[in-house]
């Protein structure tokens, strides 16, 4: 469960933004289907926190991928804030 986050940190240092985008997409699939709010049902608070951190990482990657990805990145930040309105990272 921690491996995607650790890989994200390594890819950030290497500035491999496309790899982060792909990795986080695959990691988010493990949380299951989204409800009507676009959010999966979390098993516990730790899973919710991990999901939010992954979304923030993907949003940052989108910002570095270029202008054509900014709207998508903003959607990830918005979704993270919908789940955790007080999230300082988003």
PDB file of N, CA and C in Angstrom:
ATOM      1  N   UNK A   1       0.820  -1.188   0.000  1.00  0.00           N
ATOM      2  CA  UNK A   1       0.000   0.000   0.000  1.00  0.00           C
ATOM      3  C   UNK A   1       0.868   1.258   0.000  1.00  0.00           C
ATOM      4  N   UNK A   2       2.046   1.174   0.564  1.00  0.00           N
ATOM      5  CA  UNK A   2       2.933   2.340   0.610  1.00  0.00           C
ATOM      6  C   UNK A   2       3.804   2.465  -0.625  1.00  0.00           C
ATOM      7  N   UNK A   3       3.946   1.390  -1.380  1.00  0.00           N
ATOM      8  CA  UNK A   3       4.849   1.389  -2.524  1.00  0.00           C
ATOM      9  C   UNK A   3       4.537   2.488  -3.540  1.00  0.00           C
ATOM     10  N   UNK A   4       3.272   2.693  -3.926  1.00  0.00           N
ATOM     11  CA  UNK A   4       3.014   3.778  -4.890  1.00  0.00           C
ATOM     12  C   UNK A   4       3.476   5.147  -4.384  1.00  0.00           C
ATOM     13  N   UNK A   5       3.295   5.429  -3.100  1.00  0.00           N
ATOM     14  CA  UNK A   5       3.737   6.715  -2.564  1.00  0.00           C
ATOM     15  C   UNK A   5       5.263   6.832  -2.599  1.00  0.00           C
ATOM     16  N   UNK A   6       5.944   5.759  -2.261  1.00  0.00           N
ATOM     17  CA  UNK A   6       7.411   5.784  -2.285  1.00  0.00           C
ATOM     18  C   UNK A   6       7.924   5.945  -3.708  1.00  0.00           C
ATOM     19  N   UNK A   7       7.289   5.270  -4.659  1.00  0.00           N
ATOM     20  CA  UNK A   7       7.675   5.425  -6.062  1.00  0.00           C
ATOM     21  C   UNK A   7       7.408   6.845  -6.552  1.00  0.00           C
ATOM     22  N   UNK A   8       6.303   7.425  -6.114  1.00  0.00           N
ATOM     23  CA  UNK A   8       5.994   8.815  -6.487  1.00  0.00           C
ATOM     24  C   UNK A   8       7.106   9.749  -6.035  1.00  0.00           C
ATOM     25  N   UNK A   9       7.570   9.569  -4.815  1.00  0.00           N
ATOM     26  CA  UNK A   9       8.642  10.417  -4.303  1.00  0.00           C
ATOM     27  C   UNK A   9       9.917  10.259  -5.128  1.00  0.00           C
ATOM     28  N   UNK A  10      10.235   9.028  -5.497  1.00  0.00           N
ATOM     29  CA  UNK A  10      11.422   8.790  -6.332  1.00  0.00           C
ATOM     30  C   UNK A  10      11.248   9.422  -7.712  1.00  0.00           C
ATOM     31  N   UNK A  11      10.079   9.226  -8.311  1.00  0.00           N
ATOM     32  CA  UNK A  11       9.824   9.799  -9.635  1.00  0.00           C
ATOM     33  C   UNK A  11       9.823  11.329  -9.590  1.00  0.00           C
ATOM     34  N   UNK A  12       9.374  11.919  -8.478  1.00  0.00           N
ATOM     35  CA  UNK A  12       9.416  13.376  -8.356  1.00  0.00           C
ATOM     36  C   UNK A  12      10.851  13.876  -8.397  1.00  0.00           C
ATOM     37  N   UNK A  13      11.725  13.208  -7.682  1.00  0.00           N
ATOM     38  CA  UNK A  13      13.132  13.624  -7.675  1.00  0.00           C
ATOM     39  C   UNK A  13      13.750  13.495  -9.064  1.00  0.00           C
ATOM     40  N   UNK A  14      13.276  12.522  -9.825  1.00  0.00           N
ATOM     41  CA  UNK A  14      13.778  12.317 -11.192  1.00  0.00           C
ATOM     42  C   UNK A  14      13.007  13.129 -12.229  1.00  0.00           C
ATOM     43  N   UNK A  15      11.983  13.834 -11.768  1.00  0.00           N
ATOM     44  CA  UNK A  15      11.112  14.644 -12.634  1.00  0.00           C
ATOM     45  C   UNK A  15      10.464  13.797 -13.733  1.00  0.00           C
ATOM     46  N   UNK A  16      10.000  12.621 -13.357  1.00  0.00           N
ATOM     47  CA  UNK A  16       9.304  11.702 -14.271  1.00  0.00           C
ATOM     48  C   UNK A  16       7.805  11.877 -14.073  1.00  0.00           C
ATOM     49  N   UNK A  17       7.250  12.990 -14.544  1.00  0.00           N
ATOM     50  CA  UNK A  17       5.864  13.363 -14.278  1.00  0.00           C
ATOM     51  C   UNK A  17       4.868  12.434 -14.952  1.00  0.00           C
ATOM     52  N   UNK A  18       5.165  11.971 -16.158  1.00  0.00           N
ATOM     53  CA  UNK A  18       4.253  11.035 -16.839  1.00  0.00           C
ATOM     54  C   UNK A  18       4.175   9.713 -16.082  1.00  0.00           C
ATOM     55  N   UNK A  19       5.302   9.271 -15.545  1.00  0.00           N
ATOM     56  CA  UNK A  19       5.308   8.023 -14.773  1.00  0.00           C
ATOM     57  C   UNK A  19       4.466   8.169 -13.512  1.00  0.00           C
ATOM     58  N   UNK A  20       4.535   9.339 -12.871  1.00  0.00           N
ATOM     59  CA  UNK A  20       3.714   9.587 -11.685  1.00  0.00           C
ATOM     60  C   UNK A  20       2.243   9.544 -12.057  1.00  0.00           C
ATOM     61  N   UNK A  21       1.887  10.192 -13.157  1.00  0.00           N
ATOM     62  CA  UNK A  21       0.496  10.218 -13.600  1.00  0.00           C
ATOM     63  C   UNK A  21      -0.024   8.798 -13.832  1.00  0.00           C
ATOM     64  N   UNK A  22       0.750   7.991 -14.507  1.00  0.00           N
ATOM     65  CA  UNK A  22       0.351   6.604 -14.792  1.00  0.00           C
ATOM     66  C   UNK A  22       0.293   5.764 -13.523  1.00  0.00           C
ATOM     67  N   UNK A  23       1.318   5.893 -12.685  1.00  0.00           N
ATOM     68  CA  UNK A  23       1.379   5.119 -11.439  1.00  0.00           C
ATOM     69  C   UNK A  23       0.198   5.440 -10.531  1.00  0.00           C
ATOM     70  N   UNK A  24      -0.099   6.720 -10.368  1.00  0.00           N
ATOM     71  CA  UNK A  24      -1.199   7.106  -9.489  1.00  0.00           C
ATOM     72  C   UNK A  24      -2.530   6.651 -10.072  1.00  0.00           C
ATOM     73  N   UNK A  25      -2.677   6.730 -11.382  1.00  0.00           N
ATOM     74  CA  UNK A  25      -3.916   6.232 -12.010  1.00  0.00           C
ATOM     75  C   UNK A  25      -4.129   4.767 -11.632  1.00  0.00           C
ATOM     76  N   UNK A  26      -3.079   3.963 -11.751  1.00  0.00           N
ATOM     77  CA  UNK A  26      -3.183   2.537 -11.417  1.00  0.00           C
ATOM     78  C   UNK A  26      -3.440   2.330  -9.916  1.00  0.00           C
ATOM     79  N   UNK A  27      -2.773   3.118  -9.083  1.00  0.00           N
ATOM     80  CA  UNK A  27      -2.953   2.979  -7.635  1.00  0.00           C
ATOM     81  C   UNK A  27      -4.368   3.356  -7.210  1.00  0.00           C
ATOM     82  N   UNK A  28      -4.943   4.385  -7.842  1.00  0.00           N
ATOM     83  CA  UNK A  28      -6.298   4.812  -7.486  1.00  0.00           C
ATOM     84  C   UNK A  28      -7.336   3.748  -7.846  1.00  0.00           C
ATOM     85  N   UNK A  29      -7.044   2.932  -8.841  1.00  0.00           N
ATOM     86  CA  UNK A  29      -7.967   1.869  -9.233  1.00  0.00           C
ATOM     87  C   UNK A  29      -8.145   0.841  -8.118  1.00  0.00           C
ATOM     88  N   UNK A  30      -7.143   0.713  -7.250  1.00  0.00           N
ATOM     89  CA  UNK A  30      -7.223  -0.288  -6.181  1.00  0.00           C
ATOM     90  C   UNK A  30      -8.206   0.103  -5.085  1.00  0.00           C
ATOM     91  N   UNK A  31      -8.663   1.355  -5.087  1.00  0.00           N
ATOM     92  CA  UNK A  31      -9.614   1.802  -4.066  1.00  0.00           C
ATOM     93  C   UNK A  31     -11.055   1.440  -4.418  1.00  0.00           C
ATOM     94  N   UNK A  32     -11.284   0.943  -5.616  1.00  0.00           N
ATOM     95  CA  UNK A  32     -12.626   0.540  -6.014  1.00  0.00           C
ATOM     96  C   UNK A  32     -13.376   1.637  -6.748  1.00  0.00           C
ATOM     97  N   UNK A  33     -14.615   1.335  -7.071  1.00  0.00           N
ATOM     98  CA  UNK A  33     -15.448   2.254  -7.843  1.00  0.00           C
ATOM     99  C   UNK A  33     -15.812   3.494  -7.029  1.00  0.00           C
ATOM    100  N   UNK A  34     -15.961   4.589  -7.739  1.00  0.00           N
ATOM    101  CA  UNK A  34     -16.328   5.852  -7.097  1.00  0.00           C
ATOM    102  C   UNK A  34     -17.839   5.956  -6.941  1.00  0.00           C
ATOM    103  N   UNK A  35     -18.253   6.680  -5.915  1.00  0.00           N
ATOM    104  CA  UNK A  35     -19.683   6.920  -5.713  1.00  0.00           C
ATOM    105  C   UNK A  35     -20.116   8.135  -6.541  1.00  0.00           C
ATOM    106  N   UNK A  36     -21.295   8.655  -6.297  1.00  0.00           N
ATOM    107  CA  UNK A  36     -21.825   9.771  -7.086  1.00  0.00           C
ATOM    108  C   UNK A  36     -21.006  11.052  -6.895  1.00  0.00           C
ATOM    109  N   UNK A  37     -20.248  11.140  -5.813  1.00  0.00           N
ATOM    110  CA  UNK A  37     -19.386  12.305  -5.570  1.00  0.00           C
ATOM    111  C   UNK A  37     -18.014  12.147  -6.206  1.00  0.00           C
ATOM    112  N   UNK A  38     -17.777  10.996  -6.850  1.00  0.00           N
ATOM    113  CA  UNK A  38     -16.483  10.746  -7.467  1.00  0.00           C
ATOM    114  C   UNK A  38     -15.441  10.220  -6.504  1.00  0.00           C
ATOM    115  N   UNK A  39     -15.918   9.687  -5.363  1.00  0.00           N
ATOM    116  CA  UNK A  39     -15.028   9.241  -4.296  1.00  0.00           C
ATOM    117  C   UNK A  39     -15.337   7.782  -3.954  1.00  0.00           C
ATOM    118  N   UNK A  40     -14.313   6.943  -3.774  1.00  0.00           N
ATOM    119  CA  UNK A  40     -14.578   5.558  -3.361  1.00  0.00           C
ATOM    120  C   UNK A  40     -14.970   5.483  -1.885  1.00  0.00           C
ATOM    121  N   UNK A  41     -15.465   4.347  -1.482  1.00  0.00           N
ATOM    122  CA  UNK A  41     -15.747   4.093  -0.060  1.00  0.00           C
ATOM    123  C   UNK A  41     -14.439   3.620   0.576  1.00  0.00           C
ATOM    124  N   UNK A  42     -13.992   4.320   1.602  1.00  0.00           N
ATOM    125  CA  UNK A  42     -12.710   4.008   2.230  1.00  0.00           C
ATOM    126  C   UNK A  42     -12.901   3.037   3.390  1.00  0.00           C
ATOM    127  N   UNK A  43     -11.944   2.124   3.532  1.00  0.00           N
ATOM    128  CA  UNK A  43     -11.981   1.147   4.625  1.00  0.00           C
ATOM    129  C   UNK A  43     -11.712   1.809   5.971  1.00  0.00           C
ATOM    130  N   UNK A  44     -10.854   2.834   5.959  1.00  0.00           N
ATOM    131  CA  UNK A  44     -10.483   3.516   7.195  1.00  0.00           C
ATOM    132  C   UNK A  44      -9.878   4.874   6.855  1.00  0.00           C
ATOM    133  N   UNK A  45      -9.521   5.624   7.881  1.00  0.00           N
ATOM    134  CA  UNK A  45      -8.961   6.963   7.690  1.00  0.00           C
ATOM    135  C   UNK A  45      -7.612   6.909   6.985  1.00  0.00           C
ATOM    136  N   UNK A  46      -6.838   5.890   7.267  1.00  0.00           N
ATOM    137  CA  UNK A  46      -5.528   5.744   6.616  1.00  0.00           C
ATOM    138  C   UNK A  46      -5.691   5.602   5.099  1.00  0.00           C
ATOM    139  N   UNK A  47      -6.663   4.821   4.675  1.00  0.00           N
ATOM    140  CA  UNK A  47      -6.914   4.655   3.237  1.00  0.00           C
ATOM    141  C   UNK A  47      -7.355   5.981   2.618  1.00  0.00           C
ATOM    142  N   UNK A  48      -8.205   6.706   3.319  1.00  0.00           N
ATOM    143  CA  UNK A  48      -8.643   8.014   2.824  1.00  0.00           C
ATOM    144  C   UNK A  48      -7.456   8.966   2.682  1.00  0.00           C
ATOM    145  N   UNK A  49      -6.600   8.995   3.689  1.00  0.00           N
ATOM    146  CA  UNK A  49      -5.420   9.863   3.634  1.00  0.00           C
ATOM    147  C   UNK A  49      -4.500   9.487   2.478  1.00  0.00           C
ATOM    148  N   UNK A  50      -4.308   8.204   2.274  1.00  0.00           N
ATOM    149  CA  UNK A  50      -3.456   7.727   1.175  1.00  0.00           C
ATOM    150  C   UNK A  50      -4.050   8.135  -0.170  1.00  0.00           C
ATOM    151  N   UNK A  51      -5.368   8.001  -0.317  1.00  0.00           N
ATOM    152  CA  UNK A  51      -6.059   8.369  -1.556  1.00  0.00           C
ATOM    153  C   UNK A  51      -5.887   9.863  -1.840  1.00  0.00           C
ATOM    154  N   UNK A  52      -6.054  10.681  -0.805  1.00  0.00           N
ATOM    155  CA  UNK A  52      -5.908  12.134  -0.970  1.00  0.00           C
ATOM    156  C   UNK A  52      -4.472  12.480  -1.351  1.00  0.00           C
ATOM    157  N   UNK A  53      -3.497  11.871  -0.689  1.00  0.00           N
ATOM    158  CA  UNK A  53      -2.089  12.150  -1.018  1.00  0.00           C
ATOM    159  C   UNK A  53      -1.772  11.756  -2.456  1.00  0.00           C
ATOM    160  N   UNK A  54      -2.323  10.636  -2.901  1.00  0.00           N
ATOM    161  CA  UNK A  54      -2.101  10.226  -4.288  1.00  0.00           C
ATOM    162  C   UNK A  54      -2.708  11.236  -5.259  1.00  0.00           C
ATOM    163  N   UNK A  55      -3.920  11.711  -4.958  1.00  0.00           N
ATOM    164  CA  UNK A  55      -4.543  12.715  -5.824  1.00  0.00           C
ATOM    165  C   UNK A  55      -3.702  13.983  -5.899  1.00  0.00           C
ATOM    166  N   UNK A  56      -3.182  14.411  -4.773  1.00  0.00           N
ATOM    167  CA  UNK A  56      -2.352  15.619  -4.752  1.00  0.00           C
ATOM    168  C   UNK A  56      -1.092  15.399  -5.591  1.00  0.00           C
ATOM    169  N   UNK A  57      -0.464  14.244  -5.452  1.00  0.00           N
ATOM    170  CA  UNK A  57       0.726  13.931  -6.263  1.00  0.00           C
ATOM    171  C   UNK A  57       0.390  13.968  -7.749  1.00  0.00           C
ATOM    172  N   UNK A  58      -0.773  13.431  -8.107  1.00  0.00           N
ATOM    173  CA  UNK A  58      -1.165  13.427  -9.520  1.00  0.00           C
ATOM    174  C   UNK A  58      -1.448  14.851  -9.998  1.00  0.00           C
ATOM    175  N   UNK A  59      -2.044  15.666  -9.152  1.00  0.00           N
ATOM    176  CA  UNK A  59      -2.281  17.060  -9.509  1.00  0.00           C
ATOM    177  C   UNK A  59      -0.982  17.812  -9.752  1.00  0.00           C
ATOM    178  N   UNK A  60      -0.004  17.577  -8.901  1.00  0.00           N
ATOM    179  CA  UNK A  60       1.308  18.208  -9.075  1.00  0.00           C
ATOM    180  C   UNK A  60       1.955  17.737 -10.372  1.00  0.00           C
ATOM    181  N   UNK A  61       1.868  16.440 -10.643  1.00  0.00           N
ATOM    182  CA  UNK A  61       2.438  15.912 -11.883  1.00  0.00           C
ATOM    183  C   UNK A  61       1.786  16.576 -13.101  1.00  0.00           C
ATOM    184  N   UNK A  62       0.471  16.760 -13.053  1.00  0.00           N
ATOM    185  CA  UNK A  62      -0.229  17.410 -14.161  1.00  0.00           C
ATOM    186  C   UNK A  62       0.269  18.843 -14.358  1.00  0.00           C
ATOM    187  N   UNK A  63       0.530  19.537 -13.262  1.00  0.00           N
ATOM    188  CA  UNK A  63       1.031  20.908 -13.362  1.00  0.00           C
ATOM    189  C   UNK A  63       2.382  20.945 -14.077  1.00  0.00           C
ATOM    190  N   UNK A  64       3.218  19.966 -13.806  1.00  0.00           N
ATOM    191  CA  UNK A  64       4.531  19.911 -14.451  1.00  0.00           C
ATOM    192  C   UNK A  64       4.463  19.369 -15.879  1.00  0.00           C
ATOM    193  N   UNK A  65       3.406  18.639 -16.211  1.00  0.00           N
ATOM    194  CA  UNK A  65       3.285  18.092 -17.566  1.00  0.00           C
ATOM    195  C   UNK A  65       2.963  19.165 -18.603  1.00  0.00           C
ATOM    196  N   UNK A  66       2.462  20.285 -18.167  1.00  0.00           N
ATOM    197  CA  UNK A  66       2.235  21.370 -19.116  1.00  0.00           C
ATOM    198  C   UNK A  66       0.825  21.913 -19.054  1.00  0.00           C
ATOM    199  N   UNK A  67       0.655  23.004 -19.775  1.00  0.00           N
ATOM    200  CA  UNK A  67      -0.600  23.755 -19.754  1.00  0.00           C
ATOM    201  C   UNK A  67      -1.821  22.920 -20.138  1.00  0.00           C
ATOM    202  N   UNK A  68      -1.632  21.988 -21.061  1.00  0.00           N
ATOM    203  CA  UNK A  68      -2.772  21.173 -21.504  1.00  0.00           C
ATOM    204  C   UNK A  68      -3.275  20.222 -20.421  1.00  0.00           C
ATOM    205  N   UNK A  69      -2.500  20.044 -19.351  1.00  0.00           N
ATOM    206  CA  UNK A  69      -2.893  19.147 -18.262  1.00  0.00           C
ATOM    207  C   UNK A  69      -3.352  19.895 -17.008  1.00  0.00           C
ATOM    208  N   UNK A  70      -3.295  21.221 -17.034  1.00  0.00           N
ATOM    209  CA  UNK A  70      -3.625  21.997 -15.839  1.00  0.00           C
ATOM    210  C   UNK A  70      -5.061  21.808 -15.375  1.00  0.00           C
ATOM    211  N   UNK A  71      -6.017  21.792 -16.296  1.00  0.00           N
ATOM    212  CA  UNK A  71      -7.415  21.602 -15.902  1.00  0.00           C
ATOM    213  C   UNK A  71      -7.614  20.276 -15.186  1.00  0.00           C
ATOM    214  N   UNK A  72      -6.984  19.237 -15.694  1.00  0.00           N
ATOM    215  CA  UNK A  72      -7.081  17.923 -15.063  1.00  0.00           C
ATOM    216  C   UNK A  72      -6.470  17.967 -13.663  1.00  0.00           C
ATOM    217  N   UNK A  73      -5.320  18.635 -13.532  1.00  0.00           N
ATOM    218  CA  UNK A  73      -4.676  18.761 -12.227  1.00  0.00           C
ATOM    219  C   UNK A  73      -5.549  19.493 -11.225  1.00  0.00           C
ATOM    220  N   UNK A  74      -6.197  20.547 -11.681  1.00  0.00           N
ATOM    221  CA  UNK A  74      -7.095  21.296 -10.794  1.00  0.00           C
ATOM    222  C   UNK A  74      -8.264  20.437 -10.333  1.00  0.00           C
ATOM    223  N   UNK A  75      -8.742  19.565 -11.194  1.00  0.00           N
ATOM    224  CA  UNK A  75      -9.833  18.657 -10.816  1.00  0.00           C
ATOM    225  C   UNK A  75      -9.381  17.692  -9.725  1.00  0.00           C
ATOM    226  N   UNK A  76      -8.139  17.228  -9.808  1.00  0.00           N
ATOM    227  CA  UNK A  76      -7.616  16.328  -8.769  1.00  0.00           C
ATOM    228  C   UNK A  76      -7.504  17.054  -7.432  1.00  0.00           C
ATOM    229  N   UNK A  77      -7.007  18.297  -7.461  1.00  0.00           N
ATOM    230  CA  UNK A  77      -6.921  19.068  -6.218  1.00  0.00           C
ATOM    231  C   UNK A  77      -8.313  19.315  -5.640  1.00  0.00           C
ATOM    232  N   UNK A  78      -9.256  19.643  -6.510  1.00  0.00           N
ATOM    233  CA  UNK A  78     -10.623  19.906  -6.058  1.00  0.00           C
ATOM    234  C   UNK A  78     -11.243  18.670  -5.425  1.00  0.00           C
ATOM    235  N   UNK A  79     -11.008  17.521  -6.026  1.00  0.00           N
ATOM    236  CA  UNK A  79     -11.546  16.273  -5.490  1.00  0.00           C
ATOM    237  C   UNK A  79     -10.912  15.950  -4.137  1.00  0.00           C
ATOM    238  N   UNK A  80      -9.616  16.193  -4.013  1.00  0.00           N
ATOM    239  CA  UNK A  80      -8.941  15.960  -2.732  1.00  0.00           C
ATOM    240  C   UNK A  80      -9.529  16.866  -1.659  1.00  0.00           C
ATOM    241  N   UNK A  81      -9.799  18.117  -2.009  1.00  0.00           N
ATOM    242  CA  UNK A  81     -10.373  19.051  -1.042  1.00  0.00           C
ATOM    243  C   UNK A  81     -11.825  18.721  -0.711  1.00  0.00           C
ATOM    244  N   UNK A  82     -12.530  18.091  -1.631  1.00  0.00           N
ATOM    245  CA  UNK A  82     -13.905  17.673  -1.354  1.00  0.00           C
ATOM    246  C   UNK A  82     -13.919  16.613  -0.262  1.00  0.00           C
ATOM    247  N   UNK A  83     -12.925  15.737  -0.269  1.00  0.00           N
ATOM    248  CA  UNK A  83     -12.850  14.665   0.727  1.00  0.00           C
ATOM    249  C   UNK A  83     -12.275  15.187   2.040  1.00  0.00           C
ATOM    250  N   UNK A  84     -11.234  16.004   1.941  1.00  0.00           N
ATOM    251  CA  UNK A  84     -10.591  16.551   3.138  1.00  0.00           C
ATOM    252  C   UNK A  84     -10.457  18.060   2.960  1.00  0.00           C
ATOM    253  N   UNK A  85     -11.510  18.807   3.287  1.00  0.00           N
ATOM    254  CA  UNK A  85     -11.514  20.257   3.058  1.00  0.00           C
ATOM    255  C   UNK A  85     -10.362  21.009   3.729  1.00  0.00           C
ATOM    256  N   UNK A  86      -9.807  20.455   4.763  1.00  0.00           N
ATOM    257  CA  UNK A  86      -8.717  21.136   5.466  1.00  0.00           C
ATOM    258  C   UNK A  86      -7.337  20.642   5.044  1.00  0.00           C
ATOM    259  N   UNK A  87      -7.277  19.926   3.945  1.00  0.00           N
ATOM    260  CA  UNK A  87      -6.000  19.374   3.459  1.00  0.00           C
ATOM    261  C   UNK A  87      -5.087  20.532   3.035  1.00  0.00           C
ATOM    262  N   UNK A  88      -3.974  20.671   3.700  1.00  0.00           N
ATOM    263  CA  UNK A  88      -3.041  21.757   3.399  1.00  0.00           C
ATOM    264  C   UNK A  88      -2.219  21.482   2.159  1.00  0.00           C
ATOM    265  N   UNK A  89      -2.071  20.223   1.798  1.00  0.00           N
ATOM    266  CA  UNK A  89      -1.261  19.878   0.628  1.00  0.00           C
ATOM    267  C   UNK A  89      -1.966  20.273  -0.672  1.00  0.00           C
ATOM    268  N   UNK A  90      -3.282  20.157  -0.696  1.00  0.00           N
ATOM    269  CA  UNK A  90      -4.025  20.457  -1.921  1.00  0.00           C
ATOM    270  C   UNK A  90      -4.224  21.949  -2.017  1.00  0.00           C
TER     271      UNK A  90
END
